[in-house]
């Protein structure tokens, strides 16, 4: 996905920002996984959400979901401090599979929000 072919945006889920990027070529949205983790697990800081995602990735690899993780992309997205950083992103299908691995009462409302 090239910078010229993508539109970046912030979408809100329950007043929490989720960084997104639209890929015109593939005609699909990509969502910041760390932002989704933060919302679904009530992480208070980007650092704690990032740590949670790192632990979850390790667990998913151990459970044999390495193909899912390999298919996740990284895009440069603007962080809370205003700097652009490489961020793990997933399309809707990948994100739904990742969400299944997170115990959260917000998972079902989030899935409905994605639809």
C-alpha atoms as a PDB file:
ATOM      1  CA  UNK A   1       0.000   0.000   0.000  1.00  0.00           C
ATOM      2  CA  UNK A   2       1.658   3.217  -1.076  1.00  0.00           C
ATOM      3  CA  UNK A   3       1.279   6.514   0.752  1.00  0.00           C
ATOM      4  CA  UNK A   4      -0.290   8.048  -2.377  1.00  0.00           C
ATOM      5  CA  UNK A   5      -2.987   5.377  -2.528  1.00  0.00           C
ATOM      6  CA  UNK A   6      -4.153   5.499   1.047  1.00  0.00           C
ATOM      7  CA  UNK A   7      -6.373   7.773   3.053  1.00  0.00           C
ATOM      8  CA  UNK A   8      -5.665   7.972   6.770  1.00  0.00           C
ATOM      9  CA  UNK A   9      -8.370   8.645   9.252  1.00  0.00           C
ATOM     10  CA  UNK A  10      -9.407   8.397  12.873  1.00  0.00           C
ATOM     11  CA  UNK A  11     -12.603   6.531  13.628  1.00  0.00           C
ATOM     12  CA  UNK A  12     -14.243   6.513  17.041  1.00  0.00           C
ATOM     13  CA  UNK A  13     -15.459   3.510  18.975  1.00  0.00           C
ATOM     14  CA  UNK A  14     -17.197   4.542  22.211  1.00  0.00           C
ATOM     15  CA  UNK A  15     -15.363   7.894  22.054  1.00  0.00           C
ATOM     16  CA  UNK A  16     -11.970   6.160  21.765  1.00  0.00           C
ATOM     17  CA  UNK A  17      -9.863   6.894  18.677  1.00  0.00           C
ATOM     18  CA  UNK A  18      -8.882   4.065  16.353  1.00  0.00           C
ATOM     19  CA  UNK A  19      -6.292   5.014  13.744  1.00  0.00           C
ATOM     20  CA  UNK A  20      -7.234   3.694  10.308  1.00  0.00           C
ATOM     21  CA  UNK A  21      -5.992   3.752   6.733  1.00  0.00           C
ATOM     22  CA  UNK A  22      -7.987   3.108   3.564  1.00  0.00           C
ATOM     23  CA  UNK A  23      -6.256   1.155   0.792  1.00  0.00           C
ATOM     24  CA  UNK A  24      -7.870   2.302  -2.456  1.00  0.00           C
ATOM     25  CA  UNK A  25      -6.204  -0.440  -4.474  1.00  0.00           C
ATOM     26  CA  UNK A  26      -7.581  -3.261  -2.292  1.00  0.00           C
ATOM     27  CA  UNK A  27     -10.655  -1.256  -1.279  1.00  0.00           C
ATOM     28  CA  UNK A  28     -10.354  -2.116   2.404  1.00  0.00           C
ATOM     29  CA  UNK A  29      -9.721  -0.441   5.732  1.00  0.00           C
ATOM     30  CA  UNK A  30      -6.728  -1.215   7.933  1.00  0.00           C
ATOM     31  CA  UNK A  31      -6.991  -0.614  11.684  1.00  0.00           C
ATOM     32  CA  UNK A  32      -4.247   0.038  14.225  1.00  0.00           C
ATOM     33  CA  UNK A  33      -4.132  -3.156  16.276  1.00  0.00           C
ATOM     34  CA  UNK A  34      -2.663  -1.373  19.302  1.00  0.00           C
ATOM     35  CA  UNK A  35      -5.564   1.100  19.296  1.00  0.00           C
ATOM     36  CA  UNK A  36      -8.081  -1.751  19.163  1.00  0.00           C
ATOM     37  CA  UNK A  37      -6.256  -3.588  21.965  1.00  0.00           C
ATOM     38  CA  UNK A  38      -6.308  -0.412  24.063  1.00  0.00           C
ATOM     39  CA  UNK A  39     -10.065  -0.021  23.645  1.00  0.00           C
ATOM     40  CA  UNK A  40     -11.003  -3.658  24.184  1.00  0.00           C
ATOM     41  CA  UNK A  41      -8.761  -4.222  27.199  1.00  0.00           C
ATOM     42  CA  UNK A  42      -9.119  -0.770  28.809  1.00  0.00           C
ATOM     43  CA  UNK A  43      -5.398  -0.030  28.591  1.00  0.00           C
ATOM     44  CA  UNK A  44      -4.744   3.478  29.902  1.00  0.00           C
ATOM     45  CA  UNK A  45      -1.577   4.284  27.923  1.00  0.00           C
ATOM     46  CA  UNK A  46      -0.286   3.504  24.431  1.00  0.00           C
ATOM     47  CA  UNK A  47       2.713   1.782  26.063  1.00  0.00           C
ATOM     48  CA  UNK A  48       0.517  -0.611  28.060  1.00  0.00           C
ATOM     49  CA  UNK A  49      -1.571  -1.381  24.959  1.00  0.00           C
ATOM     50  CA  UNK A  50       1.612  -2.055  23.004  1.00  0.00           C
ATOM     51  CA  UNK A  51       2.861  -4.388  25.735  1.00  0.00           C
ATOM     52  CA  UNK A  52      -0.464  -6.239  25.802  1.00  0.00           C
ATOM     53  CA  UNK A  53      -0.292  -6.654  21.991  1.00  0.00           C
ATOM     54  CA  UNK A  54       3.296  -7.960  22.201  1.00  0.00           C
ATOM     55  CA  UNK A  55       2.273 -10.596  24.771  1.00  0.00           C
ATOM     56  CA  UNK A  56      -0.811 -11.523  22.722  1.00  0.00           C
ATOM     57  CA  UNK A  57       1.319 -11.890  19.544  1.00  0.00           C
ATOM     58  CA  UNK A  58       3.673 -14.215  21.399  1.00  0.00           C
ATOM     59  CA  UNK A  59       0.754 -16.303  22.632  1.00  0.00           C
ATOM     60  CA  UNK A  60      -0.824 -16.451  19.160  1.00  0.00           C
ATOM     61  CA  UNK A  61       2.478 -17.626  17.647  1.00  0.00           C
ATOM     62  CA  UNK A  62       2.751 -20.344  20.307  1.00  0.00           C
ATOM     63  CA  UNK A  63      -0.814 -21.432  19.483  1.00  0.00           C
ATOM     64  CA  UNK A  64       0.041 -21.752  15.783  1.00  0.00           C
ATOM     65  CA  UNK A  65      -1.496 -18.549  14.462  1.00  0.00           C
ATOM     66  CA  UNK A  66       1.752 -17.346  12.888  1.00  0.00           C
ATOM     67  CA  UNK A  67       0.116 -17.100   9.434  1.00  0.00           C
ATOM     68  CA  UNK A  68      -2.392 -14.585  10.799  1.00  0.00           C
ATOM     69  CA  UNK A  69       0.425 -12.500  12.263  1.00  0.00           C
ATOM     70  CA  UNK A  70       2.545 -12.768   9.115  1.00  0.00           C
ATOM     71  CA  UNK A  71      -0.332 -11.291   7.113  1.00  0.00           C
ATOM     72  CA  UNK A  72      -0.522  -8.227   9.372  1.00  0.00           C
ATOM     73  CA  UNK A  73       1.080  -5.184   7.801  1.00  0.00           C
ATOM     74  CA  UNK A  74       2.866  -2.212   9.276  1.00  0.00           C
ATOM     75  CA  UNK A  75       2.015   1.334   8.273  1.00  0.00           C
ATOM     76  CA  UNK A  76       3.409   4.627   9.502  1.00  0.00           C
ATOM     77  CA  UNK A  77       0.707   6.258  11.592  1.00  0.00           C
ATOM     78  CA  UNK A  78       0.795   9.367  13.725  1.00  0.00           C
ATOM     79  CA  UNK A  79       1.309   8.471  17.391  1.00  0.00           C
ATOM     80  CA  UNK A  80      -0.040  10.409  20.377  1.00  0.00           C
ATOM     81  CA  UNK A  81       3.189  12.442  20.487  1.00  0.00           C
ATOM     82  CA  UNK A  82       2.669  13.558  16.867  1.00  0.00           C
ATOM     83  CA  UNK A  83       5.500  11.435  15.450  1.00  0.00           C
ATOM     84  CA  UNK A  84       4.951   8.905  12.674  1.00  0.00           C
ATOM     85  CA  UNK A  85       5.749   5.378  13.793  1.00  0.00           C
ATOM     86  CA  UNK A  86       5.463   1.963  12.170  1.00  0.00           C
ATOM     87  CA  UNK A  87       2.251   0.481  13.539  1.00  0.00           C
ATOM     88  CA  UNK A  88       0.861  -3.041  13.215  1.00  0.00           C
ATOM     89  CA  UNK A  89      -2.393  -2.908  11.271  1.00  0.00           C
ATOM     90  CA  UNK A  90      -4.964  -5.485  10.238  1.00  0.00           C
ATOM     91  CA  UNK A  91      -7.838  -5.517   7.804  1.00  0.00           C
ATOM     92  CA  UNK A  92     -11.347  -6.294   9.058  1.00  0.00           C
ATOM     93  CA  UNK A  93     -11.058 -10.072   8.616  1.00  0.00           C
ATOM     94  CA  UNK A  94      -7.695 -10.270  10.387  1.00  0.00           C
ATOM     95  CA  UNK A  95      -8.906  -7.984  13.142  1.00  0.00           C
ATOM     96  CA  UNK A  96     -11.960 -10.155  13.814  1.00  0.00           C
ATOM     97  CA  UNK A  97      -9.677 -13.179  14.213  1.00  0.00           C
ATOM     98  CA  UNK A  98      -7.381 -11.294  16.595  1.00  0.00           C
ATOM     99  CA  UNK A  99     -10.334 -10.041  18.667  1.00  0.00           C
ATOM    100  CA  UNK A 100     -11.407 -13.649  19.251  1.00  0.00           C
ATOM    101  CA  UNK A 101      -8.181 -14.083  21.244  1.00  0.00           C
ATOM    102  CA  UNK A 102      -8.952 -11.222  23.627  1.00  0.00           C
ATOM    103  CA  UNK A 103     -11.303 -11.714  26.548  1.00  0.00           C
ATOM    104  CA  UNK A 104     -13.320  -8.511  26.551  1.00  0.00           C
ATOM    105  CA  UNK A 105     -16.938  -7.588  27.188  1.00  0.00           C
ATOM    106  CA  UNK A 106     -16.490  -4.983  24.438  1.00  0.00           C
ATOM    107  CA  UNK A 107     -15.605  -7.591  21.781  1.00  0.00           C
ATOM    108  CA  UNK A 108     -19.162  -8.145  20.524  1.00  0.00           C
ATOM    109  CA  UNK A 109     -20.025  -4.427  20.320  1.00  0.00           C
ATOM    110  CA  UNK A 110     -16.717  -3.852  18.542  1.00  0.00           C
ATOM    111  CA  UNK A 111     -17.458  -6.602  16.009  1.00  0.00           C
ATOM    112  CA  UNK A 112     -20.826  -4.960  15.333  1.00  0.00           C
ATOM    113  CA  UNK A 113     -19.060  -1.595  14.924  1.00  0.00           C
ATOM    114  CA  UNK A 114     -16.774  -3.127  12.290  1.00  0.00           C
ATOM    115  CA  UNK A 115     -19.701  -4.492  10.269  1.00  0.00           C
END
